[in-house]
Amino acid sequence: MSPRTGRCRVSIGETLAQARHRSGLSVAQVSEQTRIRPPIIYRIEADDYSMCGGDFYARGDIREIAEVVGTDPEPLIDEYDRAYRAAGPVAATSLDELLERSEPQWHRRPGFLLVFGVAAVLIVLAFVGYRMMLAPQPGPSGVSVAANANATQAGTGAAGRPDGARSARATTGEHPSAPASGAPGSSPAPAPSSSGTPSPAQAPSHAMAMVSAAAFGPHGGMGTGDDPQNAHLAIDGVRGTAWRTDWYTTPRFGNLYSGTGLVVDMGRPVTVTAVRVTLGPAAGANFQIRVGDQPSLAGMPPAARSAGPGGMVRLTLASPARGRYVMVWFTKLPPDPAGTYRADIYGIAVKGQP
């Protein structure tokens, strides 16, 4: 029941909890993707926002959780503003209290407020004009922005730490856009459908639960690749654990194999629109994202490619791919500190629709 209107409705916390269950995600998995601590998620699902630290942070947490579990955050934030938000600007409570206690009496005089308001408007206008003067002019159409797209796809940030870009996203609430067309190491984003009916790529996508992971070798198939006993570490949701390939004397597997990889079983056929792979910090890995219903190279055609970046790599498929299995297939390995070559996968996330 809404605390202000008295009408019965599904609360914010109930909506988020139901969406999480529909997505097949646990609280730990939502925490791993949003970097919001599990106790806070449990409290939010119970409509208790006391641990969020104020309206500003509560609204941000609601938005982060809603986007991961695949529900629209805007109605939930509107409901929060109606039911819970304190009067005045959205800000951290502690900051409001400090400003209220420290505000001098002369600051409240009407004459001072008028002068202060005029000065603030002039400063804003001067700043906007300065930024407009410095704004770059648009270049000729058709120019490739490969460098920017490659940087967006890599998303490593934070001094090469595999989880650095994920932490930065959770802190700021920003979400990287899809790589630009023509960028090396990624597939272009799909063009909008010309018809009135939305294409599969335009349908809402969300993170999907993964059932299991298995090492994949070029000759023996599932379970026969490198480090098979630790394949599950790539999807366990635990920060710092990883599946690793064997070490090789050259980036091309010592000329012994054509590649090596890791297969994720989604448990049922799904439509895949994007994949996020968290590698080690070293650059130099080339890999493909393959999707299909048969756990074999022939049964999983390539759907996207990455060439070079380390850390967190986000790939948006040029067109949605349908299949039960999603594979990260390495065709080139990055160097390691020992002078050999090997790749690490600290995490995999698959977005799409069931």
Protein backbone atom coordinates (compact mmCIF):
# COMPACT_ATOMS: atom_id res chain seq x y z
CA MET A 1 0.00 0.00 0.00
CA SER A 2 1.34 3.40 -0.91
CA PRO A 3 2.19 5.39 2.25
CA ARG A 4 0.70 8.59 0.78
CA THR A 5 -2.28 7.49 -1.33
CA GLY A 6 -3.43 4.45 0.67
CA ARG A 7 -3.98 2.48 -2.56
CA CYS A 8 -2.80 -1.14 -2.81
CA ARG A 9 -0.14 -1.63 -5.44
CA VAL A 10 3.01 -3.65 -6.07
CA SER A 11 5.77 -1.84 -4.22
CA ILE A 12 9.19 -0.89 -5.58
CA GLY A 13 10.90 -3.68 -3.67
CA GLU A 14 8.34 -6.28 -4.75
CA THR A 15 8.69 -5.21 -8.40
CA LEU A 16 12.50 -5.55 -8.26
CA ALA A 17 12.32 -8.91 -6.44
CA GLN A 18 9.82 -10.32 -8.96
CA ALA A 19 11.93 -9.14 -11.91
CA ARG A 20 15.04 -10.70 -10.35
CA HIS A 21 13.27 -14.05 -9.95
CA ARG A 22 12.03 -13.90 -13.55
CA SER A 23 15.59 -13.26 -14.72
CA GLY A 24 16.86 -16.25 -12.75
CA LEU A 25 19.37 -14.13 -10.86
CA SER A 26 20.36 -14.45 -7.22
CA VAL A 27 21.02 -11.48 -4.94
CA ALA A 28 24.73 -12.36 -5.10
CA GLN A 29 24.67 -12.21 -8.92
CA VAL A 30 22.89 -8.85 -8.90
CA SER A 31 25.45 -7.59 -6.38
CA GLU A 32 28.32 -8.81 -8.58
CA GLN A 33 26.97 -6.89 -11.60
CA THR A 34 25.97 -3.69 -9.78
CA ARG A 35 28.64 -3.64 -7.03
CA ILE A 36 25.83 -2.91 -4.54
CA ARG A 37 26.28 -4.90 -1.31
CA PRO A 38 23.79 -7.78 -0.81
CA PRO A 39 22.41 -6.41 2.51
CA ILE A 40 21.40 -3.20 0.74
CA ILE A 41 19.69 -5.18 -2.07
CA TYR A 42 17.75 -7.24 0.49
CA ARG A 43 16.65 -4.02 2.27
CA ILE A 44 15.57 -2.37 -1.00
CA GLU A 45 13.51 -5.44 -1.96
CA ALA A 46 11.81 -5.04 1.44
CA ASP A 47 11.19 -1.31 0.69
CA ASP A 48 13.70 -0.26 3.35
CA TYR A 49 16.04 2.46 2.06
CA SER A 50 17.71 3.34 5.36
CA MET A 51 21.05 1.79 4.28
CA CYS A 52 21.22 3.70 0.98
CA GLY A 53 22.53 6.93 2.53
CA GLY A 54 19.90 9.35 1.25
CA ASP A 55 17.56 9.98 -1.70
CA PHE A 56 20.35 10.51 -4.21
CA TYR A 57 21.92 7.12 -3.54
CA ALA A 58 18.59 5.30 -3.13
CA ARG A 59 17.44 6.44 -6.59
CA GLY A 60 20.77 5.38 -8.08
CA ASP A 61 20.58 1.93 -6.44
CA ILE A 62 17.02 1.42 -7.71
CA ARG A 63 18.10 2.33 -11.26
CA GLU A 64 21.15 0.00 -11.16
CA ILE A 65 19.18 -2.99 -9.86
CA ALA A 66 16.28 -2.44 -12.28
CA GLU A 67 18.56 -2.36 -15.33
CA VAL A 68 20.31 -5.60 -14.31
CA VAL A 69 17.09 -7.54 -13.63
CA GLY A 70 15.45 -6.26 -16.82
CA THR A 71 12.71 -3.89 -15.69
CA ASP A 72 12.07 -0.21 -16.45
CA PRO A 73 13.60 1.93 -13.66
CA GLU A 74 11.72 5.17 -14.43
CA PRO A 75 8.31 4.19 -12.94
CA LEU A 76 10.08 2.87 -9.85
CA ILE A 77 12.04 6.11 -9.37
CA ASP A 78 8.85 8.14 -9.87
CA GLU A 79 7.14 6.00 -7.23
CA TYR A 80 10.10 6.50 -4.87
CA ASP A 81 9.90 10.27 -5.33
CA ARG A 82 6.17 10.25 -4.56
CA ALA A 83 6.35 7.94 -1.56
CA TYR A 84 9.75 8.37 0.06
CA ARG A 85 11.69 11.35 -1.22
CA ALA A 86 12.25 14.13 1.28
CA ALA A 87 11.10 17.64 0.37
CA GLY A 88 13.66 19.71 -1.54
CA PRO A 89 16.40 18.77 -4.01
CA VAL A 90 17.54 15.17 -4.31
CA ALA A 91 20.79 14.95 -2.38
CA ALA A 92 22.58 12.92 0.26
CA THR A 93 20.84 13.45 3.62
CA SER A 94 24.02 14.02 5.52
CA LEU A 95 25.03 16.84 3.18
CA ASP A 96 21.65 18.55 3.54
CA GLU A 97 21.88 18.38 7.31
CA LEU A 98 25.38 19.83 7.34
CA LEU A 99 24.38 22.73 5.09
CA GLU A 100 21.29 23.47 7.18
CA ARG A 101 23.25 23.54 10.42
CA SER A 102 26.10 25.64 9.03
CA GLU A 103 24.03 28.23 7.12
CA PRO A 104 24.55 31.74 8.64
CA GLN A 105 21.56 33.98 9.34
CA TRP A 106 22.66 36.76 6.98
CA HIS A 107 22.61 34.24 4.13
CA ARG A 108 18.80 34.14 4.33
CA ARG A 109 18.23 37.84 3.71
CA PRO A 110 16.20 38.53 0.50
CA GLY A 111 18.70 41.09 -0.79
CA PHE A 112 21.57 38.64 -0.59
CA LEU A 113 19.54 35.93 -2.33
CA LEU A 114 18.72 38.27 -5.22
CA VAL A 115 22.37 39.24 -5.72
CA PHE A 116 23.48 35.64 -5.39
CA GLY A 117 20.89 34.46 -7.94
CA VAL A 118 21.90 37.07 -10.54
CA ALA A 119 25.58 36.21 -10.07
CA ALA A 120 24.85 32.51 -10.46
CA VAL A 121 22.96 33.09 -13.73
CA LEU A 122 25.81 35.18 -15.14
CA ILE A 123 28.37 32.53 -14.22
CA VAL A 124 26.31 29.80 -15.89
CA LEU A 125 25.86 31.85 -19.07
CA ALA A 126 29.59 32.61 -19.23
CA PHE A 127 30.46 28.95 -18.76
CA VAL A 128 28.03 27.80 -21.48
CA GLY A 129 29.39 30.37 -23.92
CA TYR A 130 32.96 29.31 -23.19
CA ARG A 131 32.13 25.64 -23.77
CA MET A 132 30.37 26.45 -27.05
CA MET A 133 33.44 28.31 -28.28
CA LEU A 134 35.67 25.34 -27.49
CA ALA A 135 33.32 22.70 -28.90
CA PRO A 136 34.88 20.84 -31.88
CA GLN A 137 33.23 21.30 -35.25
CA PRO A 138 31.66 18.13 -36.73
CA GLY A 139 33.95 16.39 -39.18
CA PRO A 140 33.01 15.06 -42.64
CA SER A 141 30.45 12.27 -42.70
CA GLY A 142 31.68 8.70 -43.01
CA VAL A 143 34.87 9.20 -40.98
CA SER A 144 35.68 6.05 -39.00
CA VAL A 145 35.93 6.37 -35.24
CA ALA A 146 37.73 3.11 -34.73
CA ALA A 147 39.97 4.35 -31.93
CA ASN A 148 37.04 5.56 -29.81
CA ALA A 149 35.06 2.41 -30.47
CA ASN A 150 38.01 0.21 -29.53
CA ALA A 151 38.39 2.14 -26.27
CA THR A 152 34.66 1.77 -25.55
CA GLN A 153 34.76 -1.96 -26.24
CA ALA A 154 37.81 -2.53 -24.07
CA GLY A 155 36.36 -0.68 -21.11
CA THR A 156 39.36 -1.52 -18.96
CA GLY A 157 39.77 1.84 -17.13
CA ALA A 158 41.09 1.69 -13.53
CA ALA A 159 44.74 0.82 -14.21
CA GLY A 160 44.06 -2.46 -16.03
CA ARG A 161 42.17 -4.22 -13.21
CA PRO A 162 39.66 -6.74 -14.65
CA ASP A 163 36.90 -5.39 -12.39
CA GLY A 164 37.88 -1.70 -12.77
CA ALA A 165 35.42 -0.78 -15.49
CA ARG A 166 32.60 -2.64 -13.75
CA SER A 167 33.31 -0.73 -10.50
CA ALA A 168 33.41 2.59 -12.34
CA ARG A 169 30.04 1.85 -13.93
CA ALA A 170 28.46 1.05 -10.64
CA THR A 171 29.84 4.22 -9.05
CA THR A 172 28.78 6.63 -11.77
CA GLY A 173 25.71 4.89 -13.20
CA GLU A 174 27.03 5.21 -16.71
CA HIS A 175 26.62 2.49 -19.28
CA PRO A 176 28.95 2.18 -22.27
CA SER A 177 27.31 2.44 -25.62
CA ALA A 178 27.75 -0.15 -28.32
CA PRO A 179 31.02 0.00 -30.33
CA ALA A 180 30.98 2.21 -33.40
CA SER A 181 30.84 0.69 -36.87
CA GLY A 182 34.24 -0.16 -38.32
CA ALA A 183 35.98 -0.55 -34.92
CA PRO A 184 38.57 -3.35 -34.80
CA GLY A 185 37.80 -6.15 -32.40
CA SER A 186 34.04 -5.67 -32.27
CA SER A 187 30.90 -6.10 -34.36
CA PRO A 188 28.78 -3.06 -35.36
CA ALA A 189 25.48 -2.34 -33.65
CA PRO A 190 22.32 -3.32 -35.60
CA ALA A 191 20.48 -0.70 -37.66
CA PRO A 192 16.92 0.18 -36.62
CA SER A 193 14.14 -1.79 -38.29
CA SER A 194 12.42 0.09 -41.10
CA SER A 195 9.05 -1.52 -40.34
CA GLY A 196 6.69 -0.62 -37.53
CA THR A 197 7.33 -3.94 -35.73
CA PRO A 198 10.39 -3.99 -33.43
CA SER A 199 13.15 -6.35 -34.48
CA PRO A 200 14.60 -8.84 -31.92
CA ALA A 201 17.58 -6.53 -31.38
CA GLN A 202 15.19 -3.73 -30.35
CA ALA A 203 13.37 -5.84 -27.73
CA PRO A 204 14.42 -5.27 -24.11
CA SER A 205 17.51 -7.28 -23.18
CA HIS A 206 18.64 -8.33 -19.72
CA ALA A 207 21.32 -10.44 -18.10
CA MET A 208 20.47 -14.15 -18.27
CA ALA A 209 21.37 -16.89 -15.81
CA MET A 210 23.99 -19.44 -16.88
CA VAL A 211 23.72 -23.13 -15.92
CA SER A 212 27.31 -24.36 -16.30
CA ALA A 213 30.65 -23.80 -18.02
CA ALA A 214 33.08 -26.26 -19.60
CA ALA A 215 36.53 -26.03 -21.17
CA PHE A 216 36.45 -26.63 -24.93
CA GLY A 217 39.29 -28.15 -26.93
CA PRO A 218 39.71 -27.99 -30.71
CA HIS A 219 39.54 -31.78 -31.10
CA GLY A 220 37.70 -33.32 -28.15
CA GLY A 221 34.86 -30.84 -27.62
CA MET A 222 33.34 -29.94 -24.25
CA GLY A 223 35.32 -30.84 -21.14
CA THR A 224 38.52 -31.56 -23.05
CA GLY A 225 40.02 -28.06 -23.23
CA ASP A 226 42.51 -26.30 -20.98
CA ASP A 227 42.06 -26.36 -17.18
CA PRO A 228 38.68 -28.19 -17.30
CA GLN A 229 38.36 -28.57 -13.51
CA ASN A 230 38.24 -24.77 -13.04
CA ALA A 231 35.88 -23.85 -15.88
CA HIS A 232 33.11 -23.00 -13.39
CA LEU A 233 35.23 -20.19 -11.89
CA ALA A 234 34.46 -18.02 -14.94
CA ILE A 235 30.74 -17.84 -14.00
CA ASP A 236 30.78 -18.26 -10.20
CA GLY A 237 30.23 -14.53 -9.59
CA VAL A 238 33.15 -14.39 -7.15
CA ARG A 239 35.54 -11.50 -7.67
CA GLY A 240 39.13 -12.61 -8.22
CA THR A 241 38.46 -16.20 -9.34
CA ALA A 242 39.20 -17.12 -12.95
CA TRP A 243 39.48 -19.90 -15.50
CA ARG A 244 42.89 -19.94 -17.23
CA THR A 245 44.16 -21.49 -20.40
CA ASP A 246 47.33 -23.56 -20.37
CA TRP A 247 50.54 -21.64 -21.06
CA TYR A 248 52.06 -21.75 -24.54
CA THR A 249 55.37 -20.69 -26.02
CA THR A 250 53.78 -18.47 -28.70
CA PRO A 251 50.57 -16.42 -28.99
CA ARG A 252 49.29 -19.00 -31.52
CA PHE A 253 49.37 -21.90 -29.04
CA GLY A 254 52.88 -22.98 -29.94
CA ASN A 255 51.56 -23.98 -33.38
CA LEU A 256 49.88 -26.96 -31.67
CA TYR A 257 46.21 -25.97 -31.92
CA SER A 258 43.95 -23.61 -33.81
CA GLY A 259 42.52 -22.28 -30.55
CA THR A 260 41.02 -23.05 -27.17
CA GLY A 261 37.93 -21.84 -25.40
CA LEU A 262 35.21 -21.93 -22.77
CA VAL A 263 31.57 -22.93 -23.42
CA VAL A 264 28.67 -21.65 -21.30
CA ASP A 265 25.48 -23.74 -21.20
CA MET A 266 22.42 -21.48 -20.86
CA GLY A 267 20.19 -24.49 -20.11
CA ARG A 268 17.84 -23.77 -23.01
CA PRO A 269 17.92 -21.96 -26.35
CA VAL A 270 18.08 -18.18 -25.85
CA THR A 271 18.47 -15.11 -28.03
CA VAL A 272 21.84 -13.46 -27.40
CA THR A 273 22.29 -9.74 -28.10
CA ALA A 274 25.46 -8.86 -26.14
CA VAL A 275 28.24 -10.56 -24.18
CA ARG A 276 30.62 -9.14 -21.57
CA VAL A 277 33.92 -10.98 -20.97
CA THR A 278 36.28 -9.93 -18.17
CA LEU A 279 39.85 -10.90 -19.11
CA GLY A 280 43.15 -10.37 -17.34
CA PRO A 281 44.76 -6.93 -17.65
CA ALA A 282 47.26 -7.88 -20.39
CA ALA A 283 46.35 -6.81 -23.93
CA GLY A 284 46.84 -9.07 -26.93
CA ALA A 285 44.00 -11.60 -26.78
CA ASN A 286 41.96 -12.29 -29.91
CA PHE A 287 38.71 -14.19 -29.40
CA GLN A 288 35.35 -14.92 -30.97
CA ILE A 289 31.89 -15.17 -29.44
CA ARG A 290 30.17 -18.24 -30.92
CA VAL A 291 26.51 -19.15 -30.39
CA GLY A 292 24.64 -22.31 -31.36
CA ASP A 293 22.64 -25.36 -30.30
CA GLN A 294 25.44 -27.90 -30.77
CA PRO A 295 28.60 -27.74 -28.59
CA SER A 296 31.00 -27.91 -31.53
CA LEU A 297 32.86 -25.42 -33.69
CA ALA A 298 30.64 -26.28 -36.65
CA GLY A 299 27.49 -25.97 -34.54
CA MET A 300 28.41 -22.57 -33.07
CA PRO A 301 29.18 -20.03 -35.81
CA PRO A 302 30.99 -16.79 -34.86
CA ALA A 303 28.65 -13.96 -33.82
CA ALA A 304 31.18 -11.29 -32.68
CA ARG A 305 34.95 -10.79 -32.43
CA SER A 306 37.43 -8.94 -30.23
CA ALA A 307 41.02 -8.19 -31.20
CA GLY A 308 43.49 -7.03 -28.60
CA PRO A 309 41.91 -5.40 -25.54
CA GLY A 310 42.39 -6.75 -22.04
CA GLY A 311 40.23 -6.23 -18.97
CA MET A 312 36.47 -5.93 -19.41
CA VAL A 313 35.39 -6.36 -23.05
CA ARG A 314 31.77 -5.65 -24.06
CA LEU A 315 30.59 -6.97 -27.42
CA THR A 316 27.23 -6.15 -29.00
CA LEU A 317 26.23 -8.62 -31.70
CA ALA A 318 25.54 -7.17 -35.15
CA SER A 319 22.36 -9.26 -35.17
CA PRO A 320 20.88 -11.42 -32.39
CA ALA A 321 22.06 -15.03 -32.32
CA ARG A 322 19.92 -17.94 -31.14
CA GLY A 323 21.27 -21.00 -29.35
CA ARG A 324 21.72 -22.89 -26.10
CA TYR A 325 25.51 -22.60 -25.98
CA VAL A 326 27.70 -19.47 -25.91
CA MET A 327 31.45 -19.92 -26.39
CA VAL A 328 34.47 -17.67 -25.90
CA TRP A 329 36.94 -19.06 -28.47
CA PHE A 330 40.51 -17.75 -28.26
CA THR A 331 42.52 -17.60 -31.50
CA LYS A 332 45.44 -15.64 -30.03
CA LEU A 333 46.76 -15.40 -26.47
CA PRO A 334 48.20 -12.40 -24.56
CA PRO A 335 51.63 -12.52 -22.87
CA ASP A 336 51.96 -13.37 -19.18
CA PRO A 337 54.60 -12.23 -16.64
CA ALA A 338 56.50 -15.52 -17.03
CA GLY A 339 57.34 -14.80 -20.66
CA THR A 340 54.82 -17.32 -22.01
CA TYR A 341 51.28 -16.83 -23.34
CA ARG A 342 47.96 -17.58 -21.68
CA ALA A 343 44.50 -16.02 -21.17
CA ASP A 344 42.32 -15.59 -18.08
CA ILE A 345 38.52 -15.24 -17.89
CA TYR A 346 37.39 -13.68 -14.61
CA GLY A 347 33.75 -13.39 -15.58
CA ILE A 348 31.17 -13.80 -18.36
CA ALA A 349 27.76 -12.13 -18.64
CA VAL A 350 25.25 -12.86 -21.42
CA LYS A 351 22.44 -10.43 -22.28
CA GLY A 352 19.41 -11.11 -24.44
CA GLN A 353 15.96 -12.65 -24.24
CA PRO A 354 14.87 -16.21 -23.33
